[in-house]
């Protein structure tokens, strides 16, 4: 396995794990601060937009075959 293959595989595995960990952190922050439903929605919306951007990048790369 070359360094480039290892790096690509690591990104495909570790970035989704990081996204899940960030979602847990936001959920925990929401619960501890008592943000309420609207505050929780805004927190997850901000995280969700970043996640959508990452997923769009992966899909675009798949179709373009970069």
N, C-alpha and C. Protein backbone atom coordinates (compact mmCIF):
# COMPACT_ATOMS: atom_id res chain seq x y z
N UNK A 1 0.85 -1.18 0.00
CA UNK A 1 0.00 0.00 0.00
C UNK A 1 0.89 1.23 0.00
N UNK A 2 0.66 2.09 -0.97
CA UNK A 2 1.47 3.31 -1.07
C UNK A 2 0.98 4.34 -0.07
N UNK A 3 1.77 5.38 0.09
CA UNK A 3 1.42 6.45 1.02
C UNK A 3 0.15 7.17 0.56
N UNK A 4 -0.01 7.34 -0.74
CA UNK A 4 -1.19 8.02 -1.27
C UNK A 4 -2.45 7.19 -1.02
N UNK A 5 -2.37 5.87 -1.20
CA UNK A 5 -3.52 5.01 -0.94
C UNK A 5 -3.88 5.01 0.54
N UNK A 6 -2.85 4.95 1.39
CA UNK A 6 -3.08 4.98 2.84
C UNK A 6 -3.72 6.30 3.26
N UNK A 7 -3.24 7.39 2.70
CA UNK A 7 -3.77 8.70 3.02
C UNK A 7 -5.23 8.83 2.59
N UNK A 8 -5.55 8.36 1.39
CA UNK A 8 -6.92 8.43 0.90
C UNK A 8 -7.85 7.57 1.76
N UNK A 9 -7.41 6.38 2.12
CA UNK A 9 -8.21 5.50 2.96
C UNK A 9 -8.41 6.10 4.34
N UNK A 10 -7.36 6.69 4.89
CA UNK A 10 -7.46 7.32 6.21
C UNK A 10 -8.48 8.45 6.20
N UNK A 11 -8.46 9.26 5.16
CA UNK A 11 -9.40 10.37 5.08
C UNK A 11 -10.83 9.84 4.98
N UNK A 12 -11.04 8.80 4.21
CA UNK A 12 -12.38 8.24 4.05
C UNK A 12 -12.91 7.64 5.34
N UNK A 13 -12.05 7.19 6.21
CA UNK A 13 -12.49 6.58 7.47
C UNK A 13 -12.52 7.60 8.60
N UNK A 14 -11.49 8.43 8.72
CA UNK A 14 -11.36 9.30 9.87
C UNK A 14 -12.23 10.55 9.80
N UNK A 15 -12.45 11.10 8.63
CA UNK A 15 -13.28 12.31 8.54
C UNK A 15 -14.73 12.02 8.95
N UNK A 16 -15.35 10.94 8.48
CA UNK A 16 -16.71 10.66 8.98
C UNK A 16 -16.74 10.42 10.49
N UNK A 17 -15.71 9.79 11.04
CA UNK A 17 -15.66 9.62 12.49
C UNK A 17 -15.55 10.96 13.20
N UNK A 18 -14.77 11.87 12.63
CA UNK A 18 -14.65 13.21 13.20
C UNK A 18 -15.98 13.94 13.14
N UNK A 19 -16.72 13.78 12.05
CA UNK A 19 -18.03 14.42 11.92
C UNK A 19 -18.99 13.88 12.98
N UNK A 20 -18.98 12.58 13.19
CA UNK A 20 -19.84 11.99 14.23
C UNK A 20 -19.44 12.48 15.62
N UNK A 21 -18.15 12.60 15.87
CA UNK A 21 -17.68 13.09 17.16
C UNK A 21 -18.10 14.54 17.37
N UNK A 22 -18.02 15.35 16.31
CA UNK A 22 -18.45 16.74 16.41
C UNK A 22 -19.95 16.83 16.67
N UNK A 23 -20.74 15.93 16.05
CA UNK A 23 -22.18 15.91 16.31
C UNK A 23 -22.45 15.59 17.77
N UNK A 24 -21.69 14.64 18.34
CA UNK A 24 -21.84 14.32 19.76
C UNK A 24 -21.49 15.52 20.63
N UNK A 25 -20.43 16.24 20.28
CA UNK A 25 -20.02 17.42 21.05
C UNK A 25 -21.11 18.48 21.00
N UNK A 26 -21.68 18.72 19.82
CA UNK A 26 -22.75 19.72 19.69
C UNK A 26 -23.97 19.29 20.50
N UNK A 27 -24.33 18.01 20.43
CA UNK A 27 -25.47 17.51 21.20
C UNK A 27 -25.24 17.69 22.70
N UNK A 28 -24.04 17.36 23.16
CA UNK A 28 -23.71 17.50 24.57
C UNK A 28 -23.73 18.97 24.99
N UNK A 29 -23.19 19.83 24.15
CA UNK A 29 -23.21 21.27 24.44
C UNK A 29 -24.64 21.78 24.50
N UNK A 30 -25.48 21.32 23.60
CA UNK A 30 -26.87 21.74 23.57
C UNK A 30 -27.59 21.32 24.86
N UNK A 31 -27.35 20.08 25.29
CA UNK A 31 -28.02 19.59 26.50
C UNK A 31 -27.53 20.31 27.76
N UNK A 32 -26.22 20.52 27.86
CA UNK A 32 -25.66 21.14 29.06
C UNK A 32 -25.99 22.62 29.17
N UNK A 33 -26.13 23.30 28.03
CA UNK A 33 -26.40 24.73 28.07
C UNK A 33 -27.89 25.04 28.11
N UNK A 34 -28.73 24.04 27.88
CA UNK A 34 -30.17 24.27 27.86
C UNK A 34 -30.59 25.14 26.69
N UNK A 35 -30.03 24.88 25.53
CA UNK A 35 -30.26 25.72 24.36
C UNK A 35 -31.69 25.66 23.86
N UNK A 36 -32.42 24.62 24.13
CA UNK A 36 -33.78 24.50 23.65
C UNK A 36 -33.83 23.94 22.24
N UNK A 37 -35.03 23.84 21.72
CA UNK A 37 -35.20 23.23 20.40
C UNK A 37 -34.64 24.10 19.29
N UNK A 38 -34.94 25.40 19.33
CA UNK A 38 -34.47 26.29 18.27
C UNK A 38 -32.94 26.44 18.31
N UNK A 39 -32.39 26.58 19.50
CA UNK A 39 -30.94 26.68 19.64
C UNK A 39 -30.24 25.42 19.17
N UNK A 40 -30.80 24.26 19.50
CA UNK A 40 -30.24 23.00 19.03
C UNK A 40 -30.32 22.88 17.53
N UNK A 41 -31.44 23.34 16.96
CA UNK A 41 -31.58 23.32 15.50
C UNK A 41 -30.51 24.17 14.84
N UNK A 42 -30.26 25.35 15.36
CA UNK A 42 -29.24 26.23 14.79
C UNK A 42 -27.85 25.61 14.92
N UNK A 43 -27.55 25.02 16.06
CA UNK A 43 -26.25 24.37 16.24
C UNK A 43 -26.05 23.23 15.24
N UNK A 44 -27.05 22.38 15.10
CA UNK A 44 -26.93 21.26 14.18
C UNK A 44 -26.98 21.71 12.72
N UNK A 45 -27.66 22.81 12.44
CA UNK A 45 -27.68 23.36 11.08
C UNK A 45 -26.28 23.80 10.67
N UNK A 46 -25.58 24.47 11.57
CA UNK A 46 -24.22 24.91 11.26
C UNK A 46 -23.30 23.71 11.01
N UNK A 47 -23.41 22.69 11.85
CA UNK A 47 -22.61 21.49 11.64
C UNK A 47 -23.04 20.77 10.37
N UNK A 48 -24.33 20.73 10.13
CA UNK A 48 -24.86 20.04 8.96
C UNK A 48 -24.40 20.66 7.65
N UNK A 49 -24.28 21.96 7.59
CA UNK A 49 -23.83 22.61 6.36
C UNK A 49 -22.39 22.22 6.03
N UNK A 50 -21.55 22.13 7.03
CA UNK A 50 -20.18 21.68 6.80
C UNK A 50 -20.14 20.23 6.35
N UNK A 51 -20.98 19.41 6.92
CA UNK A 51 -21.05 18.00 6.55
C UNK A 51 -21.56 17.84 5.13
N UNK A 52 -22.56 18.62 4.76
CA UNK A 52 -23.09 18.56 3.39
C UNK A 52 -22.01 18.96 2.39
N UNK A 53 -21.21 19.95 2.73
CA UNK A 53 -20.11 20.36 1.86
C UNK A 53 -19.10 19.24 1.66
N UNK A 54 -18.76 18.54 2.72
CA UNK A 54 -17.81 17.43 2.61
C UNK A 54 -18.40 16.30 1.76
N UNK A 55 -19.65 15.96 1.99
CA UNK A 55 -20.29 14.88 1.22
C UNK A 55 -20.41 15.27 -0.25
N UNK A 56 -20.73 16.53 -0.53
CA UNK A 56 -20.81 16.99 -1.92
C UNK A 56 -19.45 16.87 -2.60
N UNK A 57 -18.39 17.19 -1.88
CA UNK A 57 -17.04 17.06 -2.44
C UNK A 57 -16.74 15.61 -2.80
N UNK A 58 -17.09 14.68 -1.94
CA UNK A 58 -16.85 13.26 -2.21
C UNK A 58 -17.64 12.80 -3.42
N UNK A 59 -18.90 13.22 -3.51
CA UNK A 59 -19.74 12.81 -4.64
C UNK A 59 -19.22 13.40 -5.95
N UNK A 60 -18.83 14.66 -5.93
CA UNK A 60 -18.29 15.30 -7.13
C UNK A 60 -17.01 14.60 -7.58
N UNK A 61 -16.14 14.29 -6.63
CA UNK A 61 -14.91 13.59 -6.97
C UNK A 61 -15.21 12.20 -7.55
N UNK A 62 -16.23 11.54 -7.06
CA UNK A 62 -16.59 10.22 -7.58
C UNK A 62 -17.01 10.31 -9.04
N UNK A 63 -17.84 11.30 -9.37
CA UNK A 63 -18.34 11.41 -10.73
C UNK A 63 -17.30 11.96 -11.70
N UNK A 64 -16.41 12.80 -11.23
CA UNK A 64 -15.38 13.36 -12.10
C UNK A 64 -14.18 12.41 -12.18
N UNK A 65 -14.05 11.52 -11.19
CA UNK A 65 -12.95 10.56 -11.09
C UNK A 65 -11.59 11.26 -10.95
N UNK A 66 -11.53 12.20 -10.02
CA UNK A 66 -10.27 12.92 -9.76
C UNK A 66 -9.44 12.12 -8.82
